[in-house]
Amino acid sequence: MKSVYEIQQFLKKYGTIIYVGSRLADLELMEEELIEMHNSQLIETKEFQNALMLLRHEIQMEKEKNTRKSGDGE
């Protein structure tokens, strides 16, 4: 999996559709779902690690973006 979209499509195959309306919340819920799937042995370790690394990178970028936005109003 090389993009958040691919992770969403992967989760969709298992009946999981995540849309809360907040990109950060969506990413964090996808991370939790992937962890549960890995713990249940529904996803291979390498695939899990790649997806998790991508999600955590996106989460970090989103948090930084939100921090910059909140700092602009000062």
PDB file of N, CA and C in Angstrom:
ATOM      1  N   MET A   1       0.852  -1.178   0.000  1.00  0.00           N
ATOM      2  CA  MET A   1       0.000   0.000   0.000  1.00  0.00           C
ATOM      3  C   MET A   1       0.895   1.236   0.000  1.00  0.00           C
ATOM      4  N   LYS A   2       0.633   2.106  -0.954  1.00  0.00           N
ATOM      5  CA  LYS A   2       1.500   3.254  -1.133  1.00  0.00           C
ATOM      6  C   LYS A   2       0.793   4.586  -0.928  1.00  0.00           C
ATOM      7  N   SER A   3      -0.501   4.551  -0.606  1.00  0.00           N
ATOM      8  CA  SER A   3      -1.228   5.798  -0.389  1.00  0.00           C
ATOM      9  C   SER A   3      -2.358   5.565   0.607  1.00  0.00           C
ATOM     10  N   VAL A   4      -2.845   6.652   1.165  1.00  0.00           N
ATOM     11  CA  VAL A   4      -3.971   6.567   2.096  1.00  0.00           C
ATOM     12  C   VAL A   4      -5.189   5.993   1.368  1.00  0.00           C
ATOM     13  N   TYR A   5      -5.349   6.381   0.115  1.00  0.00           N
ATOM     14  CA  TYR A   5      -6.464   5.856  -0.685  1.00  0.00           C
ATOM     15  C   TYR A   5      -6.394   4.333  -0.779  1.00  0.00           C
ATOM     16  N   GLU A   6      -5.202   3.783  -1.026  1.00  0.00           N
ATOM     17  CA  GLU A   6      -5.045   2.331  -1.107  1.00  0.00           C
ATOM     18  C   GLU A   6      -5.381   1.662   0.222  1.00  0.00           C
ATOM     19  N   ILE A   7      -5.023   2.307   1.324  1.00  0.00           N
ATOM     20  CA  ILE A   7      -5.366   1.762   2.642  1.00  0.00           C
ATOM     21  C   ILE A   7      -6.879   1.778   2.818  1.00  0.00           C
ATOM     22  N   GLN A   8      -7.527   2.864   2.413  1.00  0.00           N
ATOM     23  CA  GLN A   8      -8.991   2.947   2.501  1.00  0.00           C
ATOM     24  C   GLN A   8      -9.639   1.824   1.689  1.00  0.00           C
ATOM     25  N   GLN A   9      -9.137   1.581   0.488  1.00  0.00           N
ATOM     26  CA  GLN A   9      -9.686   0.524  -0.364  1.00  0.00           C
ATOM     27  C   GLN A   9      -9.449  -0.851   0.240  1.00  0.00           C
ATOM     28  N   PHE A  10      -8.299  -1.037   0.857  1.00  0.00           N
ATOM     29  CA  PHE A  10      -7.998  -2.299   1.530  1.00  0.00           C
ATOM     30  C   PHE A  10      -8.985  -2.536   2.679  1.00  0.00           C
ATOM     31  N   LEU A  11      -9.189  -1.523   3.501  1.00  0.00           N
ATOM     32  CA  LEU A  11     -10.119  -1.651   4.622  1.00  0.00           C
ATOM     33  C   LEU A  11     -11.544  -1.897   4.123  1.00  0.00           C
ATOM     34  N   LYS A  12     -11.881  -1.275   3.019  1.00  0.00           N
ATOM     35  CA  LYS A  12     -13.214  -1.426   2.439  1.00  0.00           C
ATOM     36  C   LYS A  12     -13.489  -2.883   2.067  1.00  0.00           C
ATOM     37  N   LYS A  13     -12.456  -3.605   1.617  1.00  0.00           N
ATOM     38  CA  LYS A  13     -12.605  -5.026   1.277  1.00  0.00           C
ATOM     39  C   LYS A  13     -13.094  -5.837   2.472  1.00  0.00           C
ATOM     40  N   TYR A  14     -12.748  -5.370   3.665  1.00  0.00           N
ATOM     41  CA  TYR A  14     -13.145  -6.061   4.896  1.00  0.00           C
ATOM     42  C   TYR A  14     -14.383  -5.430   5.528  1.00  0.00           C
ATOM     43  N   GLY A  15     -15.041  -4.563   4.785  1.00  0.00           N
ATOM     44  CA  GLY A  15     -16.287  -3.975   5.262  1.00  0.00           C
ATOM     45  C   GLY A  15     -16.102  -2.783   6.178  1.00  0.00           C
ATOM     46  N   THR A  16     -14.922  -2.200   6.190  1.00  0.00           N
ATOM     47  CA  THR A  16     -14.645  -1.063   7.064  1.00  0.00           C
ATOM     48  C   THR A  16     -14.536   0.211   6.228  1.00  0.00           C
ATOM     49  N   ILE A  17     -15.467   1.110   6.450  1.00  0.00           N
ATOM     50  CA  ILE A  17     -15.430   2.414   5.794  1.00  0.00           C
ATOM     51  C   ILE A  17     -15.314   3.452   6.904  1.00  0.00           C
ATOM     52  N   ILE A  18     -14.258   4.245   6.827  1.00  0.00           N
ATOM     53  CA  ILE A  18     -14.008   5.242   7.870  1.00  0.00           C
ATOM     54  C   ILE A  18     -14.126   6.623   7.271  1.00  0.00           C
ATOM     55  N   TYR A  19     -15.090   7.365   7.771  1.00  0.00           N
ATOM     56  CA  TYR A  19     -15.219   8.776   7.403  1.00  0.00           C
ATOM     57  C   TYR A  19     -15.893   9.496   8.550  1.00  0.00           C
ATOM     58  N   VAL A  20     -15.115  10.271   9.281  1.00  0.00           N
ATOM     59  CA  VAL A  20     -15.618  11.020  10.429  1.00  0.00           C
ATOM     60  C   VAL A  20     -15.814  12.482  10.043  1.00  0.00           C
ATOM     61  N   GLY A  21     -15.081  12.921   9.046  1.00  0.00           N
ATOM     62  CA  GLY A  21     -15.161  14.314   8.624  1.00  0.00           C
ATOM     63  C   GLY A  21     -13.911  15.093   8.973  1.00  0.00           C
ATOM     64  N   SER A  22     -13.083  14.517   9.809  1.00  0.00           N
ATOM     65  CA  SER A  22     -11.805  15.114  10.187  1.00  0.00           C
ATOM     66  C   SER A  22     -10.717  14.202   9.640  1.00  0.00           C
ATOM     67  N   ARG A  23      -9.848  14.749   8.798  1.00  0.00           N
ATOM     68  CA  ARG A  23      -8.799  13.904   8.205  1.00  0.00           C
ATOM     69  C   ARG A  23      -7.940  13.255   9.287  1.00  0.00           C
ATOM     70  N   LEU A  24      -7.586  14.014  10.313  1.00  0.00           N
ATOM     71  CA  LEU A  24      -6.764  13.466  11.389  1.00  0.00           C
ATOM     72  C   LEU A  24      -7.470  12.306  12.088  1.00  0.00           C
ATOM     73  N   ALA A  25      -8.728  12.495  12.418  1.00  0.00           N
ATOM     74  CA  ALA A  25      -9.491  11.433  13.084  1.00  0.00           C
ATOM     75  C   ALA A  25      -9.623  10.214  12.174  1.00  0.00           C
ATOM     76  N   ASP A  26      -9.850  10.445  10.885  1.00  0.00           N
ATOM     77  CA  ASP A  26      -9.948   9.330   9.934  1.00  0.00           C
ATOM     78  C   ASP A  26      -8.651   8.529   9.914  1.00  0.00           C
ATOM     79  N   LEU A  27      -7.519   9.229   9.837  1.00  0.00           N
ATOM     80  CA  LEU A  27      -6.222   8.556   9.796  1.00  0.00           C
ATOM     81  C   LEU A  27      -5.970   7.755  11.069  1.00  0.00           C
ATOM     82  N   GLU A  28      -6.309   8.335  12.216  1.00  0.00           N
ATOM     83  CA  GLU A  28      -6.096   7.646  13.493  1.00  0.00           C
ATOM     84  C   GLU A  28      -6.988   6.413  13.610  1.00  0.00           C
ATOM     85  N   LEU A  29      -8.224   6.505  13.125  1.00  0.00           N
ATOM     86  CA  LEU A  29      -9.113   5.338  13.151  1.00  0.00           C
ATOM     87  C   LEU A  29      -8.633   4.249  12.199  1.00  0.00           C
ATOM     88  N   MET A  30      -8.103   4.651  11.051  1.00  0.00           N
ATOM     89  CA  MET A  30      -7.542   3.659  10.122  1.00  0.00           C
ATOM     90  C   MET A  30      -6.362   2.941  10.765  1.00  0.00           C
ATOM     91  N   GLU A  31      -5.539   3.689  11.487  1.00  0.00           N
ATOM     92  CA  GLU A  31      -4.404   3.081  12.183  1.00  0.00           C
ATOM     93  C   GLU A  31      -4.894   2.046  13.197  1.00  0.00           C
ATOM     94  N   GLU A  32      -5.885   2.412  13.985  1.00  0.00           N
ATOM     95  CA  GLU A  32      -6.422   1.475  14.981  1.00  0.00           C
ATOM     96  C   GLU A  32      -6.999   0.232  14.317  1.00  0.00           C
ATOM     97  N   GLU A  33      -7.697   0.427  13.214  1.00  0.00           N
ATOM     98  CA  GLU A  33      -8.295  -0.710  12.510  1.00  0.00           C
ATOM     99  C   GLU A  33      -7.219  -1.639  11.954  1.00  0.00           C
ATOM    100  N   LEU A  34      -6.161  -1.071  11.397  1.00  0.00           N
ATOM    101  CA  LEU A  34      -5.065  -1.897  10.885  1.00  0.00           C
ATOM    102  C   LEU A  34      -4.396  -2.696  12.004  1.00  0.00           C
ATOM    103  N   ILE A  35      -4.226  -2.063  13.161  1.00  0.00           N
ATOM    104  CA  ILE A  35      -3.632  -2.767  14.302  1.00  0.00           C
ATOM    105  C   ILE A  35      -4.512  -3.951  14.703  1.00  0.00           C
ATOM    106  N   GLU A  36      -5.818  -3.736  14.752  1.00  0.00           N
ATOM    107  CA  GLU A  36      -6.748  -4.823  15.096  1.00  0.00           C
ATOM    108  C   GLU A  36      -6.684  -5.948  14.063  1.00  0.00           C
ATOM    109  N   MET A  37      -6.621  -5.566  12.794  1.00  0.00           N
ATOM    110  CA  MET A  37      -6.551  -6.571  11.737  1.00  0.00           C
ATOM    111  C   MET A  37      -5.253  -7.376  11.837  1.00  0.00           C
ATOM    112  N   HIS A  38      -4.161  -6.697  12.142  1.00  0.00           N
ATOM    113  CA  HIS A  38      -2.880  -7.397  12.277  1.00  0.00           C
ATOM    114  C   HIS A  38      -2.904  -8.328  13.486  1.00  0.00           C
ATOM    115  N   ASN A  39      -3.449  -7.847  14.585  1.00  0.00           N
ATOM    116  CA  ASN A  39      -3.541  -8.687  15.784  1.00  0.00           C
ATOM    117  C   ASN A  39      -4.416  -9.919  15.541  1.00  0.00           C
ATOM    118  N   SER A  40      -5.396  -9.788  14.647  1.00  0.00           N
ATOM    119  CA  SER A  40      -6.277 -10.909  14.303  1.00  0.00           C
ATOM    120  C   SER A  40      -5.704 -11.748  13.164  1.00  0.00           C
ATOM    121  N   GLN A  41      -4.508 -11.412  12.720  1.00  0.00           N
ATOM    122  CA  GLN A  41      -3.783 -12.116  11.661  1.00  0.00           C
ATOM    123  C   GLN A  41      -4.529 -12.080  10.323  1.00  0.00           C
ATOM    124  N   LEU A  42      -5.211 -10.971  10.048  1.00  0.00           N
ATOM    125  CA  LEU A  42      -5.893 -10.802   8.774  1.00  0.00           C
ATOM    126  C   LEU A  42      -5.013 -10.087   7.750  1.00  0.00           C
ATOM    127  N   ILE A  43      -3.891  -9.559   8.213  1.00  0.00           N
ATOM    128  CA  ILE A  43      -3.000  -8.794   7.347  1.00  0.00           C
ATOM    129  C   ILE A  43      -1.568  -9.238   7.622  1.00  0.00           C
ATOM    130  N   GLU A  44      -0.783  -9.371   6.565  1.00  0.00           N
ATOM    131  CA  GLU A  44       0.604  -9.793   6.715  1.00  0.00           C
ATOM    132  C   GLU A  44       1.427  -8.696   7.391  1.00  0.00           C
ATOM    133  N   THR A  45       2.456  -9.105   8.105  1.00  0.00           N
ATOM    134  CA  THR A  45       3.270  -8.172   8.874  1.00  0.00           C
ATOM    135  C   THR A  45       3.903  -7.096   7.993  1.00  0.00           C
ATOM    136  N   LYS A  46       4.453  -7.475   6.855  1.00  0.00           N
ATOM    137  CA  LYS A  46       5.105  -6.489   5.989  1.00  0.00           C
ATOM    138  C   LYS A  46       4.098  -5.469   5.466  1.00  0.00           C
ATOM    139  N   GLU A  47       2.948  -5.941   5.037  1.00  0.00           N
ATOM    140  CA  GLU A  47       1.885  -5.050   4.558  1.00  0.00           C
ATOM    141  C   GLU A  47       1.421  -4.131   5.681  1.00  0.00           C
ATOM    142  N   PHE A  48       1.272  -4.686   6.868  1.00  0.00           N
ATOM    143  CA  PHE A  48       0.869  -3.916   8.045  1.00  0.00           C
ATOM    144  C   PHE A  48       1.891  -2.823   8.350  1.00  0.00           C
ATOM    145  N   GLN A  49       3.161  -3.180   8.350  1.00  0.00           N
ATOM    146  CA  GLN A  49       4.210  -2.211   8.674  1.00  0.00           C
ATOM    147  C   GLN A  49       4.255  -1.072   7.664  1.00  0.00           C
ATOM    148  N   ASN A  50       4.133  -1.405   6.382  1.00  0.00           N
ATOM    149  CA  ASN A  50       4.139  -0.374   5.347  1.00  0.00           C
ATOM    150  C   ASN A  50       2.953   0.577   5.511  1.00  0.00           C
ATOM    151  N   ALA A  51       1.776   0.017   5.716  1.00  0.00           N
ATOM    152  CA  ALA A  51       0.573   0.832   5.874  1.00  0.00           C
ATOM    153  C   ALA A  51       0.655   1.690   7.138  1.00  0.00           C
ATOM    154  N   LEU A  52       1.145   1.103   8.213  1.00  0.00           N
ATOM    155  CA  LEU A  52       1.256   1.826   9.473  1.00  0.00           C
ATOM    156  C   LEU A  52       2.247   2.982   9.360  1.00  0.00           C
ATOM    157  N   MET A  53       3.372   2.729   8.697  1.00  0.00           N
ATOM    158  CA  MET A  53       4.366   3.786   8.511  1.00  0.00           C
ATOM    159  C   MET A  53       3.769   4.933   7.694  1.00  0.00           C
ATOM    160  N   LEU A  54       3.052   4.606   6.642  1.00  0.00           N
ATOM    161  CA  LEU A  54       2.413   5.627   5.813  1.00  0.00           C
ATOM    162  C   LEU A  54       1.390   6.426   6.612  1.00  0.00           C
ATOM    163  N   LEU A  55       0.546   5.727   7.360  1.00  0.00           N
ATOM    164  CA  LEU A  55      -0.473   6.421   8.155  1.00  0.00           C
ATOM    165  C   LEU A  55       0.150   7.317   9.215  1.00  0.00           C
ATOM    166  N   ARG A  56       1.160   6.834   9.885  1.00  0.00           N
ATOM    167  CA  ARG A  56       1.796   7.639  10.930  1.00  0.00           C
ATOM    168  C   ARG A  56       2.476   8.872  10.336  1.00  0.00           C
ATOM    169  N   HIS A  57       3.027   8.740   9.146  1.00  0.00           N
ATOM    170  CA  HIS A  57       3.616   9.890   8.460  1.00  0.00           C
ATOM    171  C   HIS A  57       2.523  10.912   8.124  1.00  0.00           C
ATOM    172  N   GLU A  58       1.405  10.425   7.597  1.00  0.00           N
ATOM    173  CA  GLU A  58       0.295  11.316   7.251  1.00  0.00           C
ATOM    174  C   GLU A  58      -0.293  11.983   8.499  1.00  0.00           C
ATOM    175  N   ILE A  59      -0.379  11.236   9.599  1.00  0.00           N
ATOM    176  CA  ILE A  59      -0.885  11.791  10.854  1.00  0.00           C
ATOM    177  C   ILE A  59       0.026  12.911  11.332  1.00  0.00           C
ATOM    178  N   GLN A  60       1.334  12.679  11.263  1.00  0.00           N
ATOM    179  CA  GLN A  60       2.292  13.699  11.687  1.00  0.00           C
ATOM    180  C   GLN A  60       2.173  14.952  10.824  1.00  0.00           C
ATOM    181  N   MET A  61       2.060  14.760   9.508  1.00  0.00           N
ATOM    182  CA  MET A  61       1.913  15.907   8.605  1.00  0.00           C
ATOM    183  C   MET A  61       0.625  16.684   8.898  1.00  0.00           C
ATOM    184  N   GLU A  62      -0.442  15.961   9.173  1.00  0.00           N
ATOM    185  CA  GLU A  62      -1.725  16.611   9.465  1.00  0.00           C
ATOM    186  C   GLU A  62      -1.648  17.395  10.779  1.00  0.00           C
ATOM    187  N   LYS A  63      -0.987  16.828  11.786  1.00  0.00           N
ATOM    188  CA  LYS A  63      -0.829  17.527  13.066  1.00  0.00           C
ATOM    189  C   LYS A  63       0.000  18.791  12.888  1.00  0.00           C
ATOM    190  N   GLU A  64       1.054  18.708  12.087  1.00  0.00           N
ATOM    191  CA  GLU A  64       1.889  19.889  11.835  1.00  0.00           C
ATOM    192  C   GLU A  64       1.101  20.956  11.090  1.00  0.00           C
ATOM    193  N   LYS A  65       0.300  20.527  10.132  1.00  0.00           N
ATOM    194  CA  LYS A  65      -0.536  21.456   9.373  1.00  0.00           C
ATOM    195  C   LYS A  65      -1.531  22.162  10.298  1.00  0.00           C
ATOM    196  N   ASN A  66      -2.136  21.389  11.189  1.00  0.00           N
ATOM    197  CA  ASN A  66      -3.103  21.973  12.130  1.00  0.00           C
ATOM    198  C   ASN A  66      -2.427  22.922  13.102  1.00  0.00           C
ATOM    199  N   THR A  67      -1.185  22.621  13.507  1.00  0.00           N
ATOM    200  CA  THR A  67      -0.441  23.488  14.404  1.00  0.00           C
ATOM    201  C   THR A  67      -0.121  24.817  13.721  1.00  0.00           C
ATOM    202  N   ARG A  68       0.276  24.735  12.462  1.00  0.00           N
ATOM    203  CA  ARG A  68       0.570  25.964  11.697  1.00  0.00           C
ATOM    204  C   ARG A  68      -0.690  26.807  11.535  1.00  0.00           C
ATOM    205  N   LYS A  69      -1.822  26.171  11.268  1.00  0.00           N
ATOM    206  CA  LYS A  69      -3.064  26.909  11.098  1.00  0.00           C
ATOM    207  C   LYS A  69      -3.455  27.635  12.383  1.00  0.00           C
ATOM    208  N   SER A  70      -3.330  26.947  13.518  1.00  0.00           N
ATOM    209  CA  SER A  70      -3.719  27.564  14.782  1.00  0.00           C
ATOM    210  C   SER A  70      -2.749  28.674  15.179  1.00  0.00           C
ATOM    211  N   GLY A  71      -1.522  28.598  14.722  1.00  0.00           N
ATOM    212  CA  GLY A  71      -0.530  29.625  15.022  1.00  0.00           C
ATOM    213  C   GLY A  71      -0.663  30.855  14.155  1.00  0.00           C
ATOM    214  N   ASP A  72      -1.308  30.734  12.998  1.00  0.00           N
ATOM    215  CA  ASP A  72      -1.460  31.860  12.073  1.00  0.00           C
ATOM    216  C   ASP A  72      -2.367  32.943  12.623  1.00  0.00           C
ATOM    217  N   GLY A  73      -3.307  32.589  13.473  1.00  0.00           N
ATOM    218  CA  GLY A  73      -4.292  33.546  13.964  1.00  0.00           C
ATOM    219  C   GLY A  73      -3.796  34.424  15.085  1.00  0.00           C
ATOM    220  N   GLU A  74      -2.586  34.223  15.552  1.00  0.00           N
ATOM    221  CA  GLU A  74      -2.090  34.976  16.694  1.00  0.00           C
ATOM    222  C   GLU A  74      -1.594  36.343  16.310  1.00  0.00           C
TER     223      GLU A  74
END
